[in-house]
Amino acid sequence: AILIILGIIVNGLAGYALAKIDFPFRDKWLLIIMMLLIVPTETVITIHFLIIAKAGLLNTVIGYILPMIVNPFNIFLFRQVFVSLPDDVYEAAQLDFCGPVKYFFTMVLPMSKTVVATVSVFTFLNVWNDYLWPSLVFTSSDLLTAQIGLNSITSNDNTTMGQTLAVITLVTIPVIIIYALFSKQIVEGVTSTGSKEG
């Protein structure tokens, strides 16, 4: 939940800045974010691991969460949706002494519920299905994620087929429920980004 909230705030603010705030080299920053989308995951994880290890944050929840907050894909999703928001709403809000930050939280996010739901679902699924990053960061058995726990159980020679299938079912159920509840929002959130012009 903490990662989802932080991800929405950080990536949302970055997307809003790229969409609505005129600052130097804005287009170049957008290009950099687009280029980050094609960087291999292994390369990014290696850099993250070196930074987290040097900071002494291995085997901590903070060390696990920090590199996952900023997500170029989520920034792009937010940016594409925010581009379509009318500027006259912000101009009217300024008359009521509403600053950019307050406007973002009180107006922009409520008007962008679809992309907020989409990013929330994607973040949850990324965390739930992630294996490589937590296996590098966590060394304590108390901090195992679902996929690491699943691998540990299924690779145990003493585990029966019935137990293996039961664990797989338990790990899969949350994903199925999330897709069933938010499939419409996911489709709308992703398809809406393709119709926006920047």
N, C-alpha and C. Protein backbone atom coordinates (compact mmCIF):
# COMPACT_ATOMS: atom_id res chain seq x y z
N ALA A 1 0.83 -1.20 0.00
CA ALA A 1 0.00 0.00 0.00
C ALA A 1 0.87 1.26 0.00
N ILE A 2 1.93 1.24 0.78
CA ILE A 2 2.83 2.40 0.84
C ILE A 2 3.47 2.65 -0.52
N LEU A 3 3.91 1.58 -1.16
CA LEU A 3 4.55 1.71 -2.47
C LEU A 3 3.57 2.24 -3.50
N ILE A 4 2.33 1.78 -3.45
CA ILE A 4 1.32 2.25 -4.40
C ILE A 4 1.06 3.74 -4.22
N ILE A 5 0.89 4.17 -2.97
CA ILE A 5 0.63 5.59 -2.70
C ILE A 5 1.80 6.46 -3.12
N LEU A 6 3.01 6.06 -2.73
CA LEU A 6 4.20 6.82 -3.11
C LEU A 6 4.38 6.84 -4.62
N GLY A 7 4.10 5.72 -5.27
CA GLY A 7 4.23 5.64 -6.72
C GLY A 7 3.27 6.58 -7.43
N ILE A 8 2.03 6.65 -6.94
CA ILE A 8 1.05 7.54 -7.54
C ILE A 8 1.48 9.00 -7.37
N ILE A 9 1.94 9.35 -6.18
CA ILE A 9 2.34 10.74 -5.91
C ILE A 9 3.56 11.14 -6.74
N VAL A 10 4.62 10.33 -6.67
CA VAL A 10 5.88 10.68 -7.35
C VAL A 10 5.73 10.62 -8.86
N ASN A 11 5.23 9.51 -9.38
CA ASN A 11 5.08 9.37 -10.83
C ASN A 11 4.01 10.31 -11.37
N GLY A 12 2.96 10.53 -10.57
CA GLY A 12 1.92 11.46 -10.99
C GLY A 12 2.43 12.88 -11.09
N LEU A 13 3.19 13.32 -10.10
CA LEU A 13 3.76 14.67 -10.14
C LEU A 13 4.72 14.83 -11.31
N ALA A 14 5.53 13.80 -11.56
CA ALA A 14 6.46 13.85 -12.70
C ALA A 14 5.70 13.90 -14.01
N GLY A 15 4.65 13.10 -14.12
CA GLY A 15 3.84 13.11 -15.34
C GLY A 15 3.13 14.43 -15.54
N TYR A 16 2.66 15.03 -14.45
CA TYR A 16 1.99 16.32 -14.54
C TYR A 16 2.97 17.41 -14.97
N ALA A 17 4.17 17.37 -14.41
CA ALA A 17 5.19 18.36 -14.79
C ALA A 17 5.51 18.27 -16.27
N LEU A 18 5.65 17.05 -16.77
CA LEU A 18 5.97 16.86 -18.19
C LEU A 18 4.81 17.24 -19.10
N ALA A 19 3.60 17.20 -18.56
CA ALA A 19 2.43 17.49 -19.38
C ALA A 19 2.02 18.96 -19.35
N LYS A 20 2.15 19.59 -18.19
CA LYS A 20 1.53 20.91 -18.03
C LYS A 20 2.48 22.03 -17.61
N ILE A 21 3.63 21.71 -17.10
CA ILE A 21 4.54 22.76 -16.61
C ILE A 21 5.65 23.00 -17.62
N ASP A 22 5.80 24.25 -18.00
CA ASP A 22 6.83 24.61 -18.99
C ASP A 22 8.14 24.89 -18.26
N PHE A 23 9.09 24.00 -18.38
CA PHE A 23 10.40 24.19 -17.75
C PHE A 23 11.49 23.82 -18.75
N PRO A 24 12.72 24.28 -18.53
CA PRO A 24 13.81 24.02 -19.49
C PRO A 24 14.04 22.53 -19.73
N PHE A 25 14.24 22.19 -20.99
CA PHE A 25 14.58 20.83 -21.40
C PHE A 25 13.47 19.82 -21.09
N ARG A 26 12.23 20.28 -21.05
CA ARG A 26 11.12 19.37 -20.75
C ARG A 26 11.03 18.25 -21.77
N ASP A 27 11.16 18.58 -23.04
CA ASP A 27 11.08 17.55 -24.09
C ASP A 27 12.22 16.55 -23.98
N LYS A 28 13.39 17.04 -23.59
CA LYS A 28 14.54 16.14 -23.44
C LYS A 28 14.34 15.18 -22.27
N TRP A 29 13.73 15.68 -21.19
CA TRP A 29 13.43 14.80 -20.06
C TRP A 29 12.43 13.72 -20.45
N LEU A 30 11.46 14.11 -21.25
CA LEU A 30 10.48 13.13 -21.73
C LEU A 30 11.16 12.08 -22.60
N LEU A 31 12.10 12.52 -23.43
CA LEU A 31 12.84 11.59 -24.28
C LEU A 31 13.67 10.62 -23.43
N ILE A 32 14.28 11.14 -22.37
CA ILE A 32 15.07 10.28 -21.48
C ILE A 32 14.19 9.21 -20.84
N ILE A 33 13.01 9.62 -20.39
CA ILE A 33 12.08 8.67 -19.78
C ILE A 33 11.64 7.61 -20.78
N MET A 34 11.40 8.03 -22.02
CA MET A 34 11.02 7.07 -23.06
C MET A 34 12.15 6.10 -23.33
N MET A 35 13.38 6.59 -23.31
CA MET A 35 14.53 5.72 -23.56
C MET A 35 14.73 4.72 -22.41
N LEU A 36 14.38 5.14 -21.20
CA LEU A 36 14.52 4.24 -20.05
C LEU A 36 13.60 3.03 -20.16
N LEU A 37 12.54 3.17 -20.95
CA LEU A 37 11.60 2.06 -21.12
C LEU A 37 12.22 0.89 -21.86
N ILE A 38 13.27 1.15 -22.64
CA ILE A 38 13.88 0.07 -23.42
C ILE A 38 15.18 -0.44 -22.80
N VAL A 39 15.56 0.13 -21.65
CA VAL A 39 16.75 -0.36 -20.96
C VAL A 39 16.44 -1.72 -20.34
N PRO A 40 17.28 -2.74 -20.54
CA PRO A 40 17.03 -4.07 -19.98
C PRO A 40 16.85 -4.03 -18.46
N THR A 41 15.90 -4.81 -17.98
CA THR A 41 15.62 -4.85 -16.54
C THR A 41 16.85 -5.24 -15.73
N GLU A 42 17.63 -6.17 -16.27
CA GLU A 42 18.83 -6.64 -15.55
C GLU A 42 19.81 -5.50 -15.30
N THR A 43 19.93 -4.61 -16.28
CA THR A 43 20.84 -3.46 -16.14
C THR A 43 20.38 -2.53 -15.03
N VAL A 44 19.09 -2.24 -15.03
CA VAL A 44 18.52 -1.35 -14.01
C VAL A 44 18.65 -1.96 -12.62
N ILE A 45 18.35 -3.26 -12.50
CA ILE A 45 18.42 -3.93 -11.21
C ILE A 45 19.85 -3.94 -10.67
N THR A 46 20.82 -4.13 -11.56
CA THR A 46 22.23 -4.12 -11.14
C THR A 46 22.61 -2.78 -10.54
N ILE A 47 22.20 -1.70 -11.19
CA ILE A 47 22.49 -0.36 -10.68
C ILE A 47 21.79 -0.13 -9.34
N HIS A 48 20.53 -0.52 -9.28
CA HIS A 48 19.78 -0.38 -8.03
C HIS A 48 20.44 -1.14 -6.89
N PHE A 49 20.88 -2.36 -7.18
CA PHE A 49 21.48 -3.20 -6.14
C PHE A 49 22.76 -2.56 -5.61
N LEU A 50 23.59 -2.03 -6.50
CA LEU A 50 24.83 -1.40 -6.07
C LEU A 50 24.56 -0.19 -5.18
N ILE A 51 23.55 0.59 -5.55
CA ILE A 51 23.21 1.78 -4.76
C ILE A 51 22.67 1.39 -3.39
N ILE A 52 21.74 0.43 -3.37
CA ILE A 52 21.14 0.00 -2.11
C ILE A 52 22.18 -0.65 -1.20
N ALA A 53 23.07 -1.44 -1.79
CA ALA A 53 24.11 -2.09 -0.99
C ALA A 53 25.06 -1.05 -0.38
N LYS A 54 25.43 -0.05 -1.18
CA LYS A 54 26.34 0.99 -0.69
C LYS A 54 25.68 1.82 0.41
N ALA A 55 24.35 1.96 0.32
CA ALA A 55 23.62 2.73 1.33
C ALA A 55 23.33 1.91 2.59
N GLY A 56 23.69 0.64 2.56
CA GLY A 56 23.46 -0.22 3.72
C GLY A 56 22.00 -0.56 3.95
N LEU A 57 21.23 -0.63 2.87
CA LEU A 57 19.79 -0.88 2.99
C LEU A 57 19.38 -2.27 2.54
N LEU A 58 20.35 -3.16 2.36
CA LEU A 58 20.00 -4.54 2.00
C LEU A 58 19.24 -5.19 3.15
N ASN A 59 18.33 -6.07 2.79
CA ASN A 59 17.51 -6.80 3.77
C ASN A 59 16.63 -5.86 4.60
N THR A 60 16.20 -4.77 3.96
CA THR A 60 15.26 -3.84 4.61
C THR A 60 14.11 -3.55 3.65
N VAL A 61 12.96 -3.25 4.22
CA VAL A 61 11.80 -2.92 3.39
C VAL A 61 12.05 -1.63 2.62
N ILE A 62 12.72 -0.68 3.25
CA ILE A 62 13.03 0.59 2.59
C ILE A 62 13.92 0.34 1.37
N GLY A 63 14.92 -0.50 1.53
CA GLY A 63 15.79 -0.82 0.41
C GLY A 63 15.07 -1.50 -0.73
N TYR A 64 14.03 -2.24 -0.40
CA TYR A 64 13.22 -2.91 -1.43
C TYR A 64 12.31 -1.92 -2.14
N ILE A 65 11.71 -1.00 -1.38
CA ILE A 65 10.71 -0.09 -1.93
C ILE A 65 11.33 1.05 -2.75
N LEU A 66 12.39 1.65 -2.25
CA LEU A 66 12.94 2.87 -2.86
C LEU A 66 13.14 2.79 -4.38
N PRO A 67 13.82 1.76 -4.90
CA PRO A 67 14.04 1.72 -6.34
C PRO A 67 12.77 1.48 -7.16
N MET A 68 11.69 1.05 -6.49
CA MET A 68 10.47 0.71 -7.21
C MET A 68 9.48 1.86 -7.27
N ILE A 69 9.78 2.94 -6.56
CA ILE A 69 8.83 4.06 -6.52
C ILE A 69 8.73 4.73 -7.88
N VAL A 70 9.87 5.11 -8.44
CA VAL A 70 9.89 5.79 -9.74
C VAL A 70 9.82 4.75 -10.85
N ASN A 71 8.81 4.88 -11.70
CA ASN A 71 8.61 3.94 -12.80
C ASN A 71 8.38 4.72 -14.09
N PRO A 72 9.30 4.65 -15.05
CA PRO A 72 9.16 5.42 -16.30
C PRO A 72 7.84 5.14 -17.03
N PHE A 73 7.40 3.89 -17.01
CA PHE A 73 6.15 3.55 -17.70
C PHE A 73 4.96 4.24 -17.04
N ASN A 74 4.93 4.27 -15.71
CA ASN A 74 3.84 4.93 -15.01
C ASN A 74 3.88 6.44 -15.21
N ILE A 75 5.08 7.01 -15.26
CA ILE A 75 5.21 8.44 -15.56
C ILE A 75 4.63 8.74 -16.93
N PHE A 76 4.94 7.89 -17.89
CA PHE A 76 4.42 8.07 -19.25
C PHE A 76 2.90 7.97 -19.27
N LEU A 77 2.33 7.00 -18.55
CA LEU A 77 0.87 6.86 -18.50
C LEU A 77 0.23 8.13 -17.94
N PHE A 78 0.75 8.60 -16.82
CA PHE A 78 0.21 9.82 -16.21
C PHE A 78 0.34 11.01 -17.16
N ARG A 79 1.50 11.14 -17.77
CA ARG A 79 1.74 12.28 -18.65
C ARG A 79 0.75 12.30 -19.81
N GLN A 80 0.52 11.14 -20.42
CA GLN A 80 -0.38 11.07 -21.57
C GLN A 80 -1.81 11.43 -21.20
N VAL A 81 -2.23 11.08 -20.01
CA VAL A 81 -3.59 11.42 -19.57
C VAL A 81 -3.68 12.90 -19.18
N PHE A 82 -2.68 13.40 -18.50
CA PHE A 82 -2.70 14.78 -18.03
C PHE A 82 -2.64 15.78 -19.18
N VAL A 83 -2.05 15.39 -20.29
CA VAL A 83 -1.96 16.29 -21.45
C VAL A 83 -3.36 16.73 -21.90
N SER A 84 -4.33 15.84 -21.75
CA SER A 84 -5.68 16.13 -22.25
C SER A 84 -6.50 16.99 -21.29
N LEU A 85 -6.02 17.22 -20.08
CA LEU A 85 -6.79 18.01 -19.12
C LEU A 85 -6.85 19.47 -19.56
N PRO A 86 -8.01 20.09 -19.48
CA PRO A 86 -8.16 21.49 -19.93
C PRO A 86 -7.39 22.46 -19.04
N ASP A 87 -6.71 23.40 -19.67
CA ASP A 87 -5.93 24.39 -18.92
C ASP A 87 -6.81 25.41 -18.21
N ASP A 88 -8.02 25.63 -18.73
CA ASP A 88 -8.87 26.66 -18.14
C ASP A 88 -9.32 26.29 -16.72
N VAL A 89 -9.32 24.99 -16.40
CA VAL A 89 -9.67 24.58 -15.05
C VAL A 89 -8.62 25.09 -14.06
N TYR A 90 -7.34 24.96 -14.45
CA TYR A 90 -6.26 25.44 -13.57
C TYR A 90 -6.29 26.95 -13.46
N GLU A 91 -6.60 27.61 -14.57
CA GLU A 91 -6.68 29.07 -14.55
C GLU A 91 -7.78 29.54 -13.60
N ALA A 92 -8.90 28.81 -13.60
CA ALA A 92 -9.99 29.15 -12.69
C ALA A 92 -9.59 28.86 -11.24
N ALA A 93 -8.83 27.77 -11.05
CA ALA A 93 -8.39 27.42 -9.70
C ALA A 93 -7.43 28.46 -9.14
N GLN A 94 -6.62 29.06 -10.01
CA GLN A 94 -5.68 30.09 -9.57
C GLN A 94 -6.40 31.30 -8.99
N LEU A 95 -7.59 31.57 -9.52
CA LEU A 95 -8.37 32.69 -9.01
C LEU A 95 -8.79 32.45 -7.56
N ASP A 96 -8.88 31.19 -7.19
CA ASP A 96 -9.22 30.82 -5.80
C ASP A 96 -7.96 30.56 -4.98
N PHE A 97 -6.83 31.08 -5.47
CA PHE A 97 -5.54 30.93 -4.78
C PHE A 97 -5.16 29.47 -4.58
N CYS A 98 -5.40 28.68 -5.59
CA CYS A 98 -5.05 27.26 -5.56
C CYS A 98 -3.72 27.07 -6.29
N GLY A 99 -2.67 26.70 -5.54
CA GLY A 99 -1.36 26.51 -6.12
C GLY A 99 -1.25 25.22 -6.90
N PRO A 100 -0.14 25.02 -7.62
CA PRO A 100 0.04 23.82 -8.45
C PRO A 100 -0.08 22.51 -7.68
N VAL A 101 0.53 22.45 -6.48
CA VAL A 101 0.51 21.21 -5.71
C VAL A 101 -0.90 20.90 -5.22
N LYS A 102 -1.57 21.91 -4.66
CA LYS A 102 -2.94 21.71 -4.19
C LYS A 102 -3.86 21.35 -5.35
N TYR A 103 -3.66 22.00 -6.49
CA TYR A 103 -4.46 21.71 -7.68
C TYR A 103 -4.26 20.26 -8.12
N PHE A 104 -3.03 19.79 -8.04
CA PHE A 104 -2.73 18.41 -8.45
C PHE A 104 -3.51 17.41 -7.60
N PHE A 105 -3.49 17.61 -6.29
CA PHE A 105 -4.12 16.64 -5.38
C PHE A 105 -5.64 16.79 -5.31
N THR A 106 -6.14 18.00 -5.44
CA THR A 106 -7.58 18.21 -5.28
C THR A 106 -8.36 18.18 -6.59
N MET A 107 -7.68 18.39 -7.72
CA MET A 107 -8.37 18.45 -9.00
C MET A 107 -7.87 17.41 -10.00
N VAL A 108 -6.55 17.38 -10.20
CA VAL A 108 -5.99 16.53 -11.25
C VAL A 108 -6.21 15.04 -10.96
N LEU A 109 -5.81 14.59 -9.78
CA LEU A 109 -5.96 13.17 -9.45
C LEU A 109 -7.43 12.72 -9.46
N PRO A 110 -8.35 13.49 -8.85
CA PRO A 110 -9.76 13.07 -8.92
C PRO A 110 -10.30 13.00 -10.35
N MET A 111 -9.78 13.84 -11.25
CA MET A 111 -10.23 13.81 -12.64
C MET A 111 -9.56 12.69 -13.44
N SER A 112 -8.61 12.01 -12.82
CA SER A 112 -7.83 10.98 -13.54
C SER A 112 -7.91 9.64 -12.81
N LYS A 113 -9.11 9.29 -12.36
CA LYS A 113 -9.28 8.07 -11.57
C LYS A 113 -8.89 6.82 -12.35
N THR A 114 -9.12 6.83 -13.66
CA THR A 114 -8.83 5.64 -14.46
C THR A 114 -7.34 5.32 -14.47
N VAL A 115 -6.52 6.33 -14.74
CA VAL A 115 -5.08 6.08 -14.79
C VAL A 115 -4.52 5.81 -13.39
N VAL A 116 -5.11 6.42 -12.37
CA VAL A 116 -4.69 6.13 -10.99
C VAL A 116 -4.96 4.68 -10.65
N ALA A 117 -6.14 4.19 -11.04
CA ALA A 117 -6.47 2.78 -10.80
C ALA A 117 -5.55 1.86 -11.59
N THR A 118 -5.25 2.24 -12.83
CA THR A 118 -4.37 1.43 -13.68
C THR A 118 -2.98 1.32 -13.08
N VAL A 119 -2.42 2.45 -12.68
CA VAL A 119 -1.08 2.45 -12.08
C VAL A 119 -1.07 1.67 -10.77
N SER A 120 -2.12 1.80 -10.00
CA SER A 120 -2.21 1.06 -8.73
C SER A 120 -2.19 -0.44 -8.97
N VAL A 121 -2.96 -0.89 -9.96
CA VAL A 121 -3.02 -2.32 -10.27
C VAL A 121 -1.67 -2.81 -10.80
N PHE A 122 -1.09 -2.05 -11.71
CA PHE A 122 0.22 -2.45 -12.27
C PHE A 122 1.28 -2.54 -11.17
N THR A 123 1.26 -1.58 -10.24
CA THR A 123 2.24 -1.59 -9.15
C THR A 123 2.05 -2.81 -8.26
N PHE A 124 0.81 -3.10 -7.93
CA PHE A 124 0.53 -4.28 -7.09
C PHE A 124 0.99 -5.56 -7.77
N LEU A 125 0.67 -5.70 -9.05
CA LEU A 125 1.03 -6.91 -9.78
C LEU A 125 2.55 -7.04 -9.92
N ASN A 126 3.22 -5.91 -10.14
CA ASN A 126 4.69 -5.94 -10.24
C ASN A 126 5.31 -6.44 -8.94
N VAL A 127 4.80 -5.94 -7.83
CA VAL A 127 5.33 -6.36 -6.53
C VAL A 127 4.98 -7.81 -6.24
N TRP A 128 3.74 -8.19 -6.54
CA TRP A 128 3.28 -9.54 -6.24
C TRP A 128 4.03 -10.60 -7.06
N ASN A 129 4.30 -10.27 -8.31
CA ASN A 129 4.93 -11.24 -9.21
C ASN A 129 6.45 -11.12 -9.27
N ASP A 130 7.00 -10.14 -8.57
CA ASP A 130 8.45 -9.91 -8.66
C ASP A 130 9.22 -11.00 -7.91
N TYR A 131 10.25 -11.48 -8.55
CA TYR A 131 11.09 -12.51 -7.93
C TYR A 131 12.56 -12.08 -7.84
N LEU A 132 13.08 -11.52 -8.94
CA LEU A 132 14.50 -11.22 -9.01
C LEU A 132 14.93 -10.17 -7.99
N TRP A 133 14.25 -9.02 -7.97
CA TRP A 133 14.67 -7.93 -7.10
C TRP A 133 14.58 -8.31 -5.61
N PRO A 134 13.46 -8.84 -5.13
CA PRO A 134 13.42 -9.22 -3.70
C PRO A 134 14.40 -10.32 -3.34
N SER A 135 14.70 -11.21 -4.29
CA SER A 135 15.66 -12.27 -4.00
C SER A 135 17.07 -11.72 -3.82
N LEU A 136 17.34 -10.55 -4.41
CA LEU A 136 18.65 -9.91 -4.25
C LEU A 136 18.71 -9.07 -2.98
N VAL A 137 17.61 -8.40 -2.66
CA VAL A 137 17.59 -7.47 -1.53
C VAL A 137 17.41 -8.20 -0.20
N PHE A 138 16.49 -9.15 -0.18
CA PHE A 138 16.15 -9.83 1.08
C PHE A 138 16.99 -11.08 1.29
N THR A 139 17.53 -11.19 2.49
CA THR A 139 18.26 -12.40 2.87
C THR A 139 17.62 -13.09 4.06
N SER A 140 16.69 -12.40 4.71
CA SER A 140 16.01 -12.96 5.87
C SER A 140 14.74 -13.67 5.45
N SER A 141 14.46 -14.80 6.06
CA SER A 141 13.25 -15.56 5.74
C SER A 141 11.99 -14.83 6.18
N ASP A 142 12.13 -13.84 7.06
CA ASP A 142 10.98 -13.08 7.53
C ASP A 142 10.48 -12.08 6.48
N LEU A 143 11.28 -11.82 5.47
CA LEU A 143 10.93 -10.82 4.46
C LEU A 143 10.68 -11.44 3.09
N LEU A 144 10.31 -12.69 3.05
CA LEU A 144 10.07 -13.36 1.77
C LEU A 144 8.81 -12.82 1.10
N THR A 145 8.87 -12.64 -0.20
CA THR A 145 7.70 -12.26 -0.97
C THR A 145 6.97 -13.51 -1.45
N ALA A 146 5.81 -13.31 -2.08
CA ALA A 146 4.99 -14.45 -2.50
C ALA A 146 5.73 -15.37 -3.46
N GLN A 147 6.40 -14.78 -4.45
CA GLN A 147 7.06 -15.61 -5.47
C GLN A 147 8.28 -16.35 -4.91
N ILE A 148 9.01 -15.72 -4.00
CA ILE A 148 10.15 -16.40 -3.39
C ILE A 148 9.67 -17.54 -2.51
N GLY A 149 8.60 -17.27 -1.75
CA GLY A 149 8.02 -18.32 -0.92
C GLY A 149 7.51 -19.48 -1.76
N LEU A 150 6.87 -19.15 -2.89
CA LEU A 150 6.37 -20.19 -3.79
C LEU A 150 7.51 -21.04 -4.33
N ASN A 151 8.58 -20.39 -4.75
CA ASN A 151 9.73 -21.13 -5.27
C ASN A 151 10.37 -22.01 -4.20
N SER A 152 10.43 -21.49 -2.97
CA SER A 152 11.01 -22.25 -1.88
C SER A 152 10.20 -23.51 -1.57
N ILE A 153 8.88 -23.37 -1.62
CA ILE A 153 8.02 -24.51 -1.31
C ILE A 153 8.02 -25.54 -2.43
N THR A 154 7.89 -25.07 -3.66
CA THR A 154 7.80 -25.99 -4.80
C THR A 154 9.11 -26.70 -5.09
N SER A 155 10.23 -26.10 -4.69
CA SER A 155 11.53 -26.73 -4.93
C SER A 155 11.95 -27.68 -3.81
N ASN A 156 11.13 -27.75 -2.78
CA ASN A 156 11.41 -28.66 -1.66
C ASN A 156 11.03 -30.09 -2.04
N ASP A 157 11.95 -31.00 -1.90
CA ASP A 157 11.69 -32.39 -2.28
C ASP A 157 10.62 -33.04 -1.42
N ASN A 158 10.38 -32.51 -0.23
CA ASN A 158 9.39 -33.09 0.67
C ASN A 158 7.97 -32.58 0.41
N THR A 159 7.85 -31.64 -0.52
CA THR A 159 6.54 -31.08 -0.83
C THR A 159 5.80 -31.98 -1.81
N THR A 160 4.57 -32.33 -1.49
CA THR A 160 3.78 -33.19 -2.37
C THR A 160 3.17 -32.37 -3.49
N MET A 161 2.68 -33.05 -4.52
CA MET A 161 2.06 -32.38 -5.65
C MET A 161 0.82 -31.61 -5.20
N GLY A 162 0.05 -32.20 -4.30
CA GLY A 162 -1.15 -31.52 -3.80
C GLY A 162 -0.81 -30.23 -3.08
N GLN A 163 0.23 -30.25 -2.27
CA GLN A 163 0.66 -29.04 -1.56
C GLN A 163 1.16 -27.98 -2.53
N THR A 164 1.89 -28.43 -3.54
CA THR A 164 2.40 -27.49 -4.55
C THR A 164 1.26 -26.80 -5.27
N LEU A 165 0.27 -27.56 -5.71
CA LEU A 165 -0.88 -26.99 -6.42
C LEU A 165 -1.68 -26.06 -5.52
N ALA A 166 -1.78 -26.40 -4.24
CA ALA A 166 -2.51 -25.56 -3.30
C ALA A 166 -1.82 -24.20 -3.13
N VAL A 167 -0.51 -24.23 -3.01
CA VAL A 167 0.25 -22.98 -2.86
C VAL A 167 0.16 -22.13 -4.12
N ILE A 168 0.28 -22.77 -5.28
CA ILE A 168 0.17 -22.05 -6.56
C ILE A 168 -1.19 -21.38 -6.67
N THR A 169 -2.23 -22.10 -6.26
CA THR A 169 -3.59 -21.55 -6.30
C THR A 169 -3.72 -20.33 -5.39
N LEU A 170 -3.17 -20.42 -4.19
CA LEU A 170 -3.24 -19.31 -3.24
C LEU A 170 -2.51 -18.07 -3.77
N VAL A 171 -1.39 -18.29 -4.44
CA VAL A 171 -0.61 -17.18 -4.99
C VAL A 171 -1.31 -16.56 -6.20
N THR A 172 -2.04 -17.38 -6.94
CA THR A 172 -2.69 -16.91 -8.17
C THR A 172 -4.01 -16.20 -7.90
N ILE A 173 -4.72 -16.59 -6.85
CA ILE A 173 -6.05 -16.04 -6.57
C ILE A 173 -6.07 -14.51 -6.49
N PRO A 174 -5.15 -13.86 -5.75
CA PRO A 174 -5.18 -12.39 -5.69
C PRO A 174 -5.05 -11.73 -7.07
N VAL A 175 -4.23 -12.31 -7.93
CA VAL A 175 -4.05 -11.76 -9.28
C VAL A 175 -5.35 -11.85 -10.07
N ILE A 176 -6.02 -13.00 -9.98
CA ILE A 176 -7.29 -13.19 -10.68
C ILE A 176 -8.34 -12.21 -10.18
N ILE A 177 -8.40 -12.04 -8.86
CA ILE A 177 -9.38 -11.12 -8.27
C ILE A 177 -9.12 -9.68 -8.73
N ILE A 178 -7.86 -9.27 -8.72
CA ILE A 178 -7.50 -7.91 -9.14
C ILE A 178 -7.90 -7.67 -10.59
N TYR A 179 -7.59 -8.61 -11.47
CA TYR A 179 -7.95 -8.47 -12.87
C TYR A 179 -9.46 -8.45 -13.05
N ALA A 180 -10.17 -9.28 -12.29
CA ALA A 180 -11.63 -9.33 -12.41
C ALA A 180 -12.27 -8.02 -11.98
N LEU A 181 -11.73 -7.41 -10.94
CA LEU A 181 -12.31 -6.18 -10.40
C LEU A 181 -11.93 -4.94 -11.20
N PHE A 182 -10.72 -4.94 -11.75
CA PHE A 182 -10.21 -3.71 -12.37
C PHE A 182 -9.87 -3.85 -13.85
N SER A 183 -10.34 -4.90 -14.49
CA SER A 183 -10.00 -5.10 -15.91
C SER A 183 -10.48 -3.95 -16.78
N LYS A 184 -11.67 -3.43 -16.48
CA LYS A 184 -12.22 -2.32 -17.26
C LYS A 184 -11.34 -1.07 -17.12
N GLN A 185 -10.95 -0.77 -15.88
CA GLN A 185 -10.11 0.40 -15.63
C GLN A 185 -8.74 0.25 -16.28
N ILE A 186 -8.20 -0.97 -16.26
CA ILE A 186 -6.89 -1.20 -16.88
C ILE A 186 -6.95 -0.94 -18.37
N VAL A 187 -7.97 -1.49 -19.02
CA VAL A 187 -8.12 -1.31 -20.47
C VAL A 187 -8.32 0.16 -20.81
N GLU A 188 -9.20 0.84 -20.07
CA GLU A 188 -9.45 2.25 -20.32
C GLU A 188 -8.21 3.10 -20.06
N GLY A 189 -7.49 2.77 -19.00
CA GLY A 189 -6.30 3.53 -18.65
C GLY A 189 -5.21 3.42 -19.69
N VAL A 190 -5.01 2.22 -20.22
CA VAL A 190 -3.96 2.00 -21.21
C VAL A 190 -4.36 2.56 -22.57
N THR A 191 -5.59 2.28 -23.00
CA THR A 191 -6.02 2.73 -24.32
C THR A 191 -6.16 4.24 -24.39
N SER A 192 -6.48 4.88 -23.26
CA SER A 192 -6.65 6.34 -23.27
C SER A 192 -5.34 7.06 -23.55
N THR A 193 -4.22 6.44 -23.20
CA THR A 193 -2.93 7.09 -23.41
C THR A 193 -2.58 7.18 -24.89
N GLY A 194 -3.15 6.33 -25.69
CA GLY A 194 -2.82 6.32 -27.12
C GLY A 194 -3.50 7.41 -27.90
N SER A 195 -4.51 8.04 -27.29
CA SER A 195 -5.26 9.06 -28.01
C SER A 195 -4.88 10.47 -27.61
N LYS A 196 -3.86 10.60 -26.77
CA LYS A 196 -3.45 11.92 -26.30
C LYS A 196 -2.27 12.43 -27.11
N GLU A 197 -2.30 13.70 -27.40
CA GLU A 197 -1.21 14.32 -28.14
C GLU A 197 -0.45 15.23 -27.19
N GLY A 198 0.90 15.18 -27.28
CA GLY A 198 1.72 16.03 -26.40
C GLY A 198 2.37 17.13 -27.17
